Amino acid sequence: NMNQSTSNTATATYSSEPKNLSKVTYPFFTSALKYGVLAGGLVALFLFAMQAAGMENNIGAKYFGYSILGIILAIALGDYNRFLKTGTTFKNGMTFAAQITLITGATLILVNVLTFLSGSSLVFSKYGIEAADFPTLLMISGALFLEVMVAGLIFTFISLQYLKSRRDYDSNTDPQ
């Protein structure tokens, strides 16, 4: 009888999930939307700044702008990781980051279309091509979307490898 109460105390004391987070569900879509729109807006501002500075054909600098997406993905995945069970970081993180990246790409396309429709000269260009008509705008938007998806995947893998190694393998105290 004494052993039974000791083991119950041990399992209660060494629970793998913090008490304050175990009953809270993560606002998955709301957070993905927030982080995605933020990343899309900041990348759009960066691309506008490049355009205004006359550096829109500097491909290396343009791709550097996607590091903004990488930073936001790392922050978002770190936030989400606190709610995940040990061992589920990679799979769940991929789903979350894919959602954020899709929303980021959609935000960039929306900003590009609205800028085009407003007649602004700051419409995004790609490979030296400016959108003079709607089909060209769609082609440039598609190229932007693909770039965001590739950059998002790369930064997601980097972030998740870091989070996975910190969370899942640092301690052997978690029985899961």
Protein backbone atom coordinates (compact mmCIF):
# COMPACT_ATOMS: atom_id res chain seq x y z
CA ASN A 1 0.00 0.00 0.00
CA MET A 2 2.86 2.37 0.79
CA ASN A 3 4.51 1.60 -2.57
CA GLN A 4 1.30 2.34 -4.46
CA SER A 5 0.92 5.82 -2.97
CA THR A 6 4.60 6.53 -3.64
CA SER A 7 4.27 5.60 -7.33
CA ASN A 8 1.12 7.72 -7.69
CA THR A 9 2.97 10.69 -6.23
CA ALA A 10 5.89 10.07 -8.60
CA THR A 11 3.72 10.04 -11.72
CA ALA A 12 1.90 13.17 -10.61
CA THR A 13 5.16 14.97 -9.83
CA TYR A 14 6.99 13.99 -13.00
CA SER A 15 4.19 14.55 -15.51
CA SER A 16 5.67 15.32 -18.95
CA GLU A 17 3.30 18.21 -19.75
CA PRO A 18 3.16 21.39 -17.68
CA LYS A 19 -0.15 21.64 -15.81
CA ASN A 20 -1.06 25.08 -17.20
CA LEU A 21 -0.64 23.98 -20.86
CA SER A 22 -2.13 20.48 -20.78
CA LYS A 23 -5.77 21.64 -20.90
CA VAL A 24 -5.20 24.53 -23.33
CA THR A 25 -5.49 23.91 -27.06
CA TYR A 26 -3.27 25.88 -29.40
CA PRO A 27 -5.15 28.33 -31.66
CA PHE A 28 -3.69 26.67 -34.79
CA PHE A 29 -5.45 28.49 -37.63
CA THR A 30 -5.61 31.88 -35.91
CA SER A 31 -1.88 31.73 -35.18
CA ALA A 32 -1.04 30.51 -38.69
CA LEU A 33 -3.10 33.36 -40.13
CA LYS A 34 -1.44 35.93 -37.86
CA TYR A 35 2.11 34.75 -38.58
CA GLY A 36 1.42 34.26 -42.31
CA VAL A 37 -0.06 37.72 -42.87
CA LEU A 38 2.73 39.29 -40.79
CA ALA A 39 5.42 37.48 -42.82
CA GLY A 40 3.69 38.28 -46.13
CA GLY A 41 3.33 41.94 -45.20
CA LEU A 42 6.95 42.28 -44.10
CA VAL A 43 8.30 40.48 -47.19
CA ALA A 44 6.09 42.74 -49.36
CA LEU A 45 7.50 45.84 -47.61
CA PHE A 46 11.02 44.52 -48.21
CA LEU A 47 10.28 43.92 -51.90
CA PHE A 48 8.72 47.40 -52.20
CA ALA A 49 11.86 48.89 -50.62
CA MET A 50 14.02 46.99 -53.11
CA GLN A 51 11.84 48.27 -55.97
CA ALA A 52 11.95 51.86 -54.70
CA ALA A 53 15.75 51.67 -54.35
CA GLY A 54 16.03 50.44 -57.94
CA MET A 55 17.44 47.09 -56.79
CA GLU A 56 14.58 44.90 -58.00
CA ASN A 57 16.92 42.99 -60.33
CA ASN A 58 19.38 42.13 -57.55
CA ILE A 59 18.31 38.51 -57.14
CA GLY A 60 20.56 37.77 -54.15
CA ALA A 61 19.18 40.69 -52.16
CA LYS A 62 15.63 39.74 -53.10
CA TYR A 63 16.09 36.20 -51.81
CA PHE A 64 17.64 37.64 -48.66
CA GLY A 65 14.23 39.21 -48.05
CA TYR A 66 12.83 35.73 -47.55
CA SER A 67 14.92 35.45 -44.39
CA ILE A 68 12.14 37.59 -42.88
CA LEU A 69 9.85 34.60 -43.47
CA GLY A 70 12.49 32.34 -41.90
CA ILE A 71 12.65 34.45 -38.74
CA ILE A 72 8.87 34.52 -38.38
CA LEU A 73 8.65 30.75 -39.00
CA ALA A 74 11.27 30.12 -36.30
CA ILE A 75 9.34 32.29 -33.82
CA ALA A 76 6.00 30.67 -34.72
CA LEU A 77 7.37 27.12 -34.52
CA GLY A 78 9.00 27.85 -31.16
CA ASP A 79 5.67 29.15 -29.86
CA TYR A 80 3.75 26.14 -31.21
CA ASN A 81 6.34 23.65 -29.95
CA ARG A 82 5.52 24.49 -26.31
CA PHE A 83 2.08 22.93 -26.84
CA LEU A 84 3.26 19.76 -28.56
CA LYS A 85 3.86 16.37 -26.99
CA THR A 86 7.44 15.20 -27.09
CA GLY A 87 8.15 13.34 -30.31
CA THR A 88 5.48 15.15 -32.37
CA THR A 89 7.43 18.34 -33.05
CA PHE A 90 8.54 17.53 -36.60
CA LYS A 91 5.24 16.29 -38.07
CA ASN A 92 3.03 18.92 -36.39
CA GLY A 93 5.58 21.67 -37.03
CA MET A 94 5.64 20.85 -40.76
CA THR A 95 1.86 21.18 -40.94
CA PHE A 96 1.87 24.47 -39.03
CA ALA A 97 4.74 25.96 -41.05
CA ALA A 98 3.15 24.87 -44.35
CA GLN A 99 -0.03 26.69 -43.34
CA ILE A 100 1.95 29.84 -42.45
CA THR A 101 3.92 29.65 -45.71
CA LEU A 102 0.75 29.24 -47.79
CA ILE A 103 -0.81 32.27 -46.08
CA THR A 104 2.43 34.24 -46.60
CA GLY A 105 2.39 33.43 -50.32
CA ALA A 106 -1.31 34.29 -50.60
CA THR A 107 -0.67 37.60 -48.81
CA LEU A 108 2.14 38.47 -51.24
CA ILE A 109 -0.08 37.65 -54.23
CA LEU A 110 -2.91 39.75 -52.79
CA VAL A 111 -0.57 42.70 -52.18
CA ASN A 112 0.83 42.34 -55.72
CA VAL A 113 -2.63 42.24 -57.33
CA LEU A 114 -3.91 45.20 -55.27
CA THR A 115 -0.78 47.19 -56.12
CA PHE A 116 -1.25 46.37 -59.81
CA LEU A 117 -4.93 47.33 -59.75
CA SER A 118 -4.13 50.62 -58.01
CA GLY A 119 -1.79 51.53 -60.86
CA SER A 120 1.27 51.88 -58.62
CA SER A 121 4.74 51.67 -60.15
CA LEU A 122 5.86 49.50 -57.21
CA VAL A 123 4.33 46.30 -58.60
CA PHE A 124 6.70 43.39 -57.94
CA SER A 125 8.86 42.40 -60.86
CA LYS A 126 10.45 39.04 -61.47
CA TYR A 127 13.43 38.19 -63.66
CA GLY A 128 13.41 41.71 -65.11
CA ILE A 129 9.76 41.38 -66.17
CA GLU A 130 7.23 43.94 -64.92
CA ALA A 131 3.51 43.23 -64.94
CA ALA A 132 2.09 45.19 -67.87
CA ASP A 133 -1.07 43.10 -68.16
CA PHE A 134 -3.04 40.63 -66.06
CA PRO A 135 -1.52 37.39 -67.47
CA THR A 136 1.99 38.71 -66.75
CA LEU A 137 0.84 39.70 -63.26
CA LEU A 138 -0.41 36.14 -62.68
CA MET A 139 2.88 34.67 -63.93
CA ILE A 140 4.93 36.93 -61.62
CA SER A 141 2.59 36.19 -58.70
CA GLY A 142 2.95 32.45 -59.34
CA ALA A 143 6.74 32.75 -59.39
CA LEU A 144 6.62 34.72 -56.12
CA PHE A 145 4.38 32.07 -54.56
CA LEU A 146 6.76 29.26 -55.56
CA GLU A 147 9.74 31.19 -54.18
CA VAL A 148 7.92 31.68 -50.87
CA MET A 149 7.02 27.98 -50.70
CA VAL A 150 10.61 26.85 -51.35
CA ALA A 151 12.09 29.39 -48.91
CA GLY A 152 9.44 28.46 -46.33
CA LEU A 153 10.28 24.76 -46.62
CA ILE A 154 14.00 25.39 -46.24
CA PHE A 155 13.56 27.59 -43.17
CA THR A 156 11.02 25.14 -41.72
CA PHE A 157 13.47 22.23 -41.96
CA ILE A 158 16.20 24.30 -40.32
CA SER A 159 13.93 25.43 -37.46
CA LEU A 160 12.41 22.00 -36.90
CA GLN A 161 15.77 20.26 -36.79
CA TYR A 162 16.81 22.69 -34.07
CA LEU A 163 13.55 22.34 -32.10
CA LYS A 164 13.43 18.57 -32.50
CA SER A 165 16.93 18.11 -31.12
CA ARG A 166 16.31 20.46 -28.19
CA ARG A 167 12.93 19.09 -27.18
CA ASP A 168 13.01 15.39 -27.96
CA TYR A 169 16.50 14.24 -27.14
CA ASP A 170 17.87 16.50 -24.40
CA SER A 171 16.51 14.52 -21.49
CA ASN A 172 15.69 10.88 -20.93
CA THR A 173 13.28 11.63 -18.08
CA ASP A 174 10.24 11.68 -20.35
CA PRO A 175 8.87 8.11 -20.67
CA GLN A 176 7.06 8.77 -24.01
